[in-house]
Amino acid sequence: MPDAQTNAALNDLLILSYRSLLQYTIECWPWTDPDDSAEQQAIAEMAREQQAVVARIADLLDRRQQSIDFGTYPDWSEMHFVSLDYLLIKLIADEENLIAAIEQAQPTLKADPTASALAFDLVHVERQHLTRLRELAASRKAPMAVAT
């Protein structure tokens, strides 16, 4: 039976992911410019991928008969009505922090193969998200081609 420290670390990862800025963004996207719909779709897809791993963590904790704390969002009310370019900078920073937190938790989960595999999957997904967010940010900074 996994120990309480392992289950607590799993629940901490669940909260960090489920209450990430990526998840918050999907719930309050009030400033969308119609020209940003591709970016909004990309961010929504990343949020769904993140939710899938969170669901797996919640399922494992439930099977272990642990009470699950889904946490609350930090106060990100200042993130309403921001530009997409600004949001992408903040999403990148939040993903970097999330990846660091997952990596910090991995030693605690090492003795539990199931929990360790979930953390591995989560960090893999978040690294992919970080790459995609950086690509989105870079593509928005690319100079527009001039017609000749």
Protein backbone atom coordinates (compact mmCIF):
# COMPACT_ATOMS: atom_id res chain seq x y z
CA MET A 1 0.00 0.00 0.00
CA PRO A 2 1.40 3.39 -0.98
CA ASP A 3 2.23 5.64 1.93
CA ALA A 4 0.46 8.85 2.89
CA GLN A 5 3.37 10.98 1.66
CA THR A 6 3.10 9.50 -1.85
CA ASN A 7 -0.66 10.04 -2.00
CA ALA A 8 -0.27 13.59 -0.70
CA ALA A 9 2.36 14.31 -3.36
CA LEU A 10 0.02 12.95 -6.02
CA ASN A 11 -2.80 15.14 -4.77
CA ASP A 12 -0.48 18.15 -4.79
CA LEU A 13 0.31 17.46 -8.46
CA LEU A 14 -3.39 17.11 -9.16
CA ILE A 15 -4.08 20.53 -7.61
CA LEU A 16 -1.18 22.21 -9.42
CA SER A 17 -2.39 20.86 -12.76
CA TYR A 18 -6.14 21.20 -12.23
CA ARG A 19 -5.76 24.77 -10.99
CA SER A 20 -3.08 25.82 -13.46
CA LEU A 21 -3.25 29.01 -15.45
CA LEU A 22 -3.94 26.87 -18.51
CA GLN A 23 -7.14 25.57 -16.89
CA TYR A 24 -8.09 29.03 -15.64
CA THR A 25 -7.65 30.48 -19.10
CA ILE A 26 -10.16 28.08 -20.60
CA GLU A 27 -12.75 29.01 -17.99
CA CYS A 28 -12.42 32.77 -18.56
CA TRP A 29 -11.49 33.67 -22.09
CA PRO A 30 -13.36 36.99 -22.28
CA TRP A 31 -10.98 38.97 -24.45
CA THR A 32 -10.86 36.79 -27.55
CA ASP A 33 -10.17 38.50 -30.80
CA PRO A 34 -11.67 36.53 -33.70
CA ASP A 35 -8.20 36.51 -35.25
CA ASP A 36 -6.91 34.53 -32.23
CA SER A 37 -9.24 31.54 -32.66
CA ALA A 38 -6.43 29.18 -33.71
CA GLU A 39 -4.50 30.04 -30.57
CA GLN A 40 -7.62 29.62 -28.45
CA GLN A 41 -8.20 26.18 -29.97
CA ALA A 42 -4.57 25.19 -29.32
CA ILE A 43 -4.80 26.33 -25.70
CA ALA A 44 -8.12 24.50 -25.25
CA GLU A 45 -6.54 21.31 -26.63
CA MET A 46 -3.64 21.61 -24.20
CA ALA A 47 -6.09 22.12 -21.34
CA ARG A 48 -7.97 18.95 -22.34
CA GLU A 49 -4.71 16.99 -22.43
CA GLN A 50 -3.84 18.29 -18.99
CA GLN A 51 -7.32 17.38 -17.72
CA ALA A 52 -6.87 13.82 -19.00
CA VAL A 53 -3.77 13.29 -16.83
CA VAL A 54 -5.50 14.96 -13.86
CA ALA A 55 -8.39 12.52 -14.29
CA ARG A 56 -5.94 9.61 -14.17
CA ILE A 57 -4.41 10.95 -10.95
CA ALA A 58 -7.86 11.44 -9.41
CA ASP A 59 -8.84 7.93 -10.46
CA LEU A 60 -5.75 6.46 -8.81
CA LEU A 61 -6.35 8.37 -5.58
CA ASP A 62 -9.99 7.28 -5.65
CA ARG A 63 -9.02 3.62 -6.14
CA ARG A 64 -6.70 4.04 -3.15
CA GLN A 65 -9.67 5.36 -1.17
CA GLN A 66 -8.00 8.71 -0.61
CA SER A 67 -10.01 11.86 -0.26
CA ILE A 68 -9.25 14.10 -3.21
CA ASP A 69 -8.66 17.81 -2.87
CA PHE A 70 -9.08 19.65 -6.17
CA GLY A 71 -7.87 22.91 -4.65
CA THR A 72 -8.84 26.41 -5.71
CA TYR A 73 -7.46 28.76 -8.30
CA PRO A 74 -4.94 31.36 -7.23
CA ASP A 75 -6.24 34.90 -7.58
CA TRP A 76 -5.71 35.44 -11.28
CA SER A 77 -8.37 38.10 -11.64
CA GLU A 78 -5.68 40.38 -13.10
CA MET A 79 -5.53 37.96 -16.05
CA HIS A 80 -8.93 39.06 -17.32
CA PHE A 81 -8.86 41.36 -20.32
CA VAL A 82 -5.21 40.83 -21.18
CA SER A 83 -3.76 40.47 -24.65
CA LEU A 84 -3.00 37.04 -26.02
CA ASP A 85 0.68 37.94 -26.23
CA TYR A 86 0.76 38.79 -22.53
CA LEU A 87 -1.22 35.66 -21.65
CA LEU A 88 1.21 33.46 -23.55
CA ILE A 89 4.12 34.88 -21.52
CA LYS A 90 2.23 34.07 -18.30
CA LEU A 91 1.22 30.59 -19.53
CA ILE A 92 4.85 29.80 -20.36
CA ALA A 93 5.99 30.88 -16.89
CA ASP A 94 3.22 28.84 -15.24
CA GLU A 95 4.14 25.75 -17.28
CA GLU A 96 7.80 26.17 -16.30
CA ASN A 97 6.78 26.34 -12.62
CA LEU A 98 4.52 23.31 -12.99
CA ILE A 99 7.27 21.26 -14.62
CA ALA A 100 9.67 22.22 -11.82
CA ALA A 101 7.11 21.16 -9.19
CA ILE A 102 6.54 17.81 -10.90
CA GLU A 103 10.28 17.19 -11.13
CA GLN A 104 10.65 18.08 -7.46
CA ALA A 105 7.91 15.57 -6.53
CA GLN A 106 9.34 12.71 -8.60
CA PRO A 107 11.80 11.46 -5.93
CA THR A 108 8.93 11.19 -3.43
CA LEU A 109 6.96 9.09 -5.93
CA LYS A 110 9.89 6.90 -7.02
CA ALA A 111 9.05 3.99 -4.70
CA ASP A 112 5.49 3.82 -6.09
CA PRO A 113 5.68 2.65 -9.73
CA THR A 114 2.11 3.67 -10.56
CA ALA A 115 2.46 7.15 -9.08
CA SER A 116 5.90 7.55 -10.64
CA ALA A 117 4.51 6.63 -14.07
CA LEU A 118 1.73 9.18 -13.70
CA ALA A 119 4.21 11.90 -12.75
CA PHE A 120 6.34 10.91 -15.74
CA ASP A 121 3.30 11.17 -18.03
CA LEU A 122 2.33 14.51 -16.53
CA VAL A 123 5.79 16.04 -16.92
CA HIS A 124 5.95 14.72 -20.49
CA VAL A 125 2.61 16.36 -21.36
CA GLU A 126 3.60 19.61 -19.67
CA ARG A 127 6.92 19.74 -21.52
CA GLN A 128 5.01 19.32 -24.79
CA HIS A 129 2.68 22.14 -23.73
CA LEU A 130 5.64 24.36 -22.90
CA THR A 131 7.10 23.76 -26.35
CA ARG A 132 3.76 24.48 -28.04
CA LEU A 133 3.21 27.64 -26.00
CA ARG A 134 6.68 28.88 -26.89
CA GLU A 135 5.96 28.16 -30.56
CA LEU A 136 2.66 30.06 -30.36
CA ALA A 137 4.40 33.02 -28.73
CA ALA A 138 7.20 32.98 -31.32
CA SER A 139 4.77 32.78 -34.23
CA ARG A 140 2.98 35.88 -33.00
CA LYS A 141 6.25 37.81 -32.94
CA ALA A 142 7.24 36.81 -36.46
CA PRO A 143 7.25 39.76 -38.83
CA MET A 144 4.47 39.74 -41.36
CA ALA A 145 5.53 39.16 -44.95
CA VAL A 146 5.39 42.22 -47.13
CA ALA A 147 3.64 41.76 -50.46
CA THR A 148 5.73 42.84 -53.45
